[in-house]
Amino acid sequence: MLNLTERQWVKHTVFHVFEGFDDLKWKKQGSVKISFIILALFFFGVIADGRLYGYQFRFPDDKIFNIVPYFVKSVVLFIVWVVGNRAVCSVLDGEGSMKKIWIYCSYALIPYISQLYINVVLSHILVQDEYIFMLIIKIIGTLWTGILLLSAVKAVHGFSLAKTLFAVLLTLAAMFIILFLLILLLSLIQQIYVFVYSVFSEISYRIKV
């Protein structure tokens, strides 16, 4: 019997790659609170990865810090993944709710998030010739998270492995479509803003004259 605490369930899903999420589903466990903590760690980890590397591994970047790209690469991408997966898997008769997809997939991010922080620390300890160790950690963390995401999607929707792979491919396609539409929407909003601002400026100028 798996009578685990919320934090122990997180550890169980991460280290029991193939059956951890099935156990999580069977015991009806998973914490929204912990999933938000994980997402926050993901956000700050992406910032750390982009800004806090040691000087030997730091590439030239903008001196002005802009939080938006890091938010998009972490929080927005995760939300788009969850929405895309829910949309695709509802068509494929998946069992998972939006809440469960959110929780399971956030747990799956832990190895990738861990490697972000580990490599930031190592960048202040290692020299450039030892970058191979950081690269190995990055590859392990990325592959580990990839396998966990497959396991999470498979468990939450009750799919076979083949159907899970198909669902993931469709989810990636859905993400591309959603992001494309978001870019179009933002571009339209920007054009409307510029138009309204120019009209307002012209009217203000005419009134003053």
Foldseek 3Di string as FASTA:
>chain_A
DDPDDQVVLLVQCLVVLQCSLLVCVVVVDFDPVVLVVLLVLQLVLLVLLQPQFDPQPHDDDDPDDDSVVSCCVGVVLLVLLLVLLVVLVVVVQFQADSSLLSRQLSSLLVLQSVLSVVNRVVSNVDHPVPCVVSVVSNVVSVVSSVSSNLSSRCNRRVHDSVVSVVSSVSSVVSSVVVVVVVVVVVVVVVVVVVVVVVVVVVVVVVVVD
